[in-house]
């Protein structure tokens, strides 16, 4: 109970809040400290954050632009590759046709040469056959004449 009396007597007359010059002084100190902290710490840190954010935004925009450019180039290269494949297939088809034509020409030429050699051989055989027949005919005539001469002589 004595403590309660002492607590009541030690409180000055203004009550719980005393509205003397300390409250405005504290308010001024808080405002000055806020301006100082803002000027010395928060503004430079905010500037660094904004600079980084703008760097990130520009880097992202550049990356998107480069990605779009890469995709365009990739599409162009795919189209060129498709065209090149079609050109190669066309060249291969033309080469196959040319090889087929050359093969047929070579085959026809070989057949013509074989027919020519066969015909020459046939003619040669016929000529030799005719020559052999003529010789045999002469010999037969000679033998016939000899036989007839011997028969008539006997």
Protein backbone atom coordinates (compact mmCIF):
# COMPACT_ATOMS: atom_id res chain seq x y z
CA UNK A 1 0.00 0.00 0.00
CA UNK A 2 2.84 2.37 0.68
CA UNK A 3 4.09 1.74 -2.75
CA UNK A 4 0.87 2.85 -4.23
CA UNK A 5 1.05 6.09 -2.32
CA UNK A 6 4.57 6.70 -3.46
CA UNK A 7 3.60 5.98 -7.04
CA UNK A 8 0.78 8.47 -6.86
CA UNK A 9 2.89 11.20 -5.31
CA UNK A 10 5.78 10.85 -7.77
CA UNK A 11 3.61 11.44 -10.83
CA UNK A 12 3.80 15.12 -11.78
CA UNK A 13 0.76 17.19 -12.33
CA UNK A 14 0.32 16.62 -16.10
CA UNK A 15 -0.90 13.07 -15.72
CA UNK A 16 0.42 10.17 -17.76
CA UNK A 17 1.49 12.35 -20.75
CA UNK A 18 3.39 15.53 -20.21
CA UNK A 19 3.02 18.00 -23.08
CA UNK A 20 6.13 20.04 -22.60
CA UNK A 21 8.88 20.74 -25.19
CA UNK A 22 10.16 17.12 -25.36
CA UNK A 23 7.31 15.88 -27.58
CA UNK A 24 7.91 18.39 -30.41
CA UNK A 25 11.67 17.87 -30.02
CA UNK A 26 11.22 14.11 -30.42
CA UNK A 27 8.96 14.66 -33.43
CA UNK A 28 11.60 16.92 -35.02
CA UNK A 29 14.30 14.31 -34.29
CA UNK A 30 12.21 11.56 -35.92
CA UNK A 31 11.56 13.69 -39.02
CA UNK A 32 15.25 14.71 -39.32
CA UNK A 33 16.39 11.10 -38.80
CA UNK A 34 13.90 9.94 -41.45
CA UNK A 35 15.22 12.51 -43.96
CA UNK A 36 18.85 11.61 -43.14
CA UNK A 37 18.24 7.87 -43.44
CA UNK A 38 16.33 8.42 -46.67
CA UNK A 39 19.06 10.63 -48.12
CA UNK A 40 22.03 8.53 -46.95
CA UNK A 41 20.82 4.93 -47.13
CA UNK A 42 17.45 4.35 -48.71
CA UNK A 43 17.83 6.52 -51.83
CA UNK A 44 21.21 4.99 -52.90
CA UNK A 45 19.98 1.49 -52.14
CA UNK A 46 16.76 2.22 -54.02
CA UNK A 47 18.79 3.59 -56.95
CA UNK A 48 20.93 0.44 -57.03
CA UNK A 49 17.79 -1.72 -56.92
CA UNK A 50 16.17 0.32 -59.71
CA UNK A 51 19.35 0.13 -61.79
CA UNK A 52 19.48 -3.63 -61.33
CA UNK A 53 15.81 -3.94 -62.16
CA UNK A 54 16.25 -1.89 -65.34
CA UNK A 55 19.31 -3.99 -66.24
CA UNK A 56 17.29 -7.15 -65.71
CA UNK A 57 14.41 -5.79 -67.79
CA UNK A 58 16.71 -4.78 -70.66
CA UNK A 59 18.59 -8.08 -70.43
CA UNK A 60 15.31 -9.96 -70.57
CA UNK A 61 14.13 -7.91 -73.53
CA UNK A 62 17.44 -8.52 -75.32
CA UNK A 63 17.23 -12.22 -74.52
CA UNK A 64 13.67 -12.41 -75.87
CA UNK A 65 14.73 -10.54 -79.00
CA UNK A 66 17.73 -12.84 -79.50
CA UNK A 67 15.56 -15.89 -78.86
CA UNK A 68 13.09 -14.69 -81.48
CA UNK A 69 15.97 -14.07 -83.88
CA UNK A 70 17.37 -17.56 -83.17
CA UNK A 71 13.94 -19.08 -83.78
CA UNK A 72 13.66 -17.19 -87.09
CA UNK A 73 17.13 -18.34 -88.10
CA UNK A 74 16.29 -21.88 -87.07
CA UNK A 75 13.13 -21.78 -89.18
CA UNK A 76 15.09 -20.35 -92.12
CA UNK A 77 17.75 -23.04 -91.76
CA UNK A 78 15.10 -25.74 -91.51
CA UNK A 79 13.52 -24.39 -94.71
CA UNK A 80 16.92 -24.28 -96.43
CA UNK A 81 17.63 -27.83 -95.26
CA UNK A 82 14.28 -28.96 -96.60
CA UNK A 83 15.03 -27.28 -99.94
CA UNK A 84 18.50 -28.81 -100.01
CA UNK A 85 17.09 -32.27 -99.31
CA UNK A 86 14.57 -31.84 -102.12
CA UNK A 87 17.33 -30.63 -104.44
CA UNK A 88 19.51 -33.61 -103.51
CA UNK A 89 16.62 -36.01 -104.07
CA UNK A 90 16.02 -34.40 -107.46
CA UNK A 91 19.71 -34.70 -108.33
CA UNK A 92 19.74 -38.33 -107.23
CA UNK A 93 16.63 -39.07 -109.31
CA UNK A 94 18.20 -37.35 -112.33
CA UNK A 95 21.44 -39.28 -111.81
CA UNK A 96 19.51 -42.55 -111.56
CA UNK A 97 17.68 -41.73 -114.80
CA UNK A 98 20.96 -40.85 -116.51
CA UNK A 99 22.59 -44.06 -115.25
CA UNK A 100 19.58 -46.03 -116.50
CA UNK A 101 19.83 -44.34 -119.92
CA UNK A 102 23.58 -44.99 -120.05
CA UNK A 103 23.04 -48.60 -118.98
CA UNK A 104 20.41 -49.11 -121.68
CA UNK A 105 22.67 -47.48 -124.28
CA UNK A 106 25.62 -49.63 -123.22
CA UNK A 107 23.42 -52.73 -123.25
CA UNK A 108 22.07 -51.86 -126.70
CA UNK A 109 25.58 -51.19 -127.96
CA UNK A 110 26.82 -54.49 -126.53
CA UNK A 111 23.90 -56.34 -128.10
CA UNK A 112 24.56 -54.64 -131.44
CA UNK A 113 28.24 -55.57 -131.22
CA UNK A 114 27.35 -59.14 -130.30
CA UNK A 115 24.89 -59.32 -133.22
CA UNK A 116 27.51 -57.87 -135.57
CA UNK A 117 30.13 -60.38 -134.42
CA UNK A 118 27.57 -63.20 -134.68
CA UNK A 119 26.61 -62.09 -138.20
CA UNK A 120 30.28 -61.83 -139.23
CA UNK A 121 30.90 -65.28 -137.79
CA UNK A 122 27.86 -66.67 -139.62
CA UNK A 123 29.04 -65.10 -142.87
CA UNK A 124 32.53 -66.44 -142.29
CA UNK A 125 31.15 -69.91 -141.59
CA UNK A 126 28.94 -69.73 -144.69
CA UNK A 127 31.89 -68.57 -146.77
CA UNK A 128 34.05 -71.40 -145.46
CA UNK A 129 31.16 -73.82 -145.96
CA UNK A 130 30.74 -72.65 -149.56
CA UNK A 131 34.48 -72.89 -150.08
CA UNK A 132 34.53 -76.39 -148.58
CA UNK A 133 31.54 -77.43 -150.74
CA UNK A 134 33.23 -76.05 -153.82
CA UNK A 135 36.43 -77.93 -153.00
CA UNK A 136 34.46 -81.07 -152.26
CA UNK A 137 32.55 -80.63 -155.51
CA UNK A 138 35.83 -80.31 -157.39
CA UNK A 139 37.26 -83.35 -155.63
CA UNK A 140 34.05 -85.28 -156.20
CA UNK A 141 34.23 -84.33 -159.85
CA UNK A 142 37.85 -85.39 -160.03
CA UNK A 143 37.16 -88.64 -158.20
CA UNK A 144 34.15 -89.29 -160.39
CA UNK A 145 36.21 -88.65 -163.44
CA UNK A 146 38.95 -90.89 -162.13
CA UNK A 147 36.47 -93.67 -161.30
CA UNK A 148 34.81 -93.35 -164.67
CA UNK A 149 38.23 -93.40 -166.42
CA UNK A 150 39.25 -96.52 -164.49
CA UNK A 151 35.97 -98.23 -165.14
CA UNK A 152 36.11 -97.43 -168.80
CA UNK A 153 39.71 -98.47 -168.93
CA UNK A 154 39.02 -101.75 -167.32
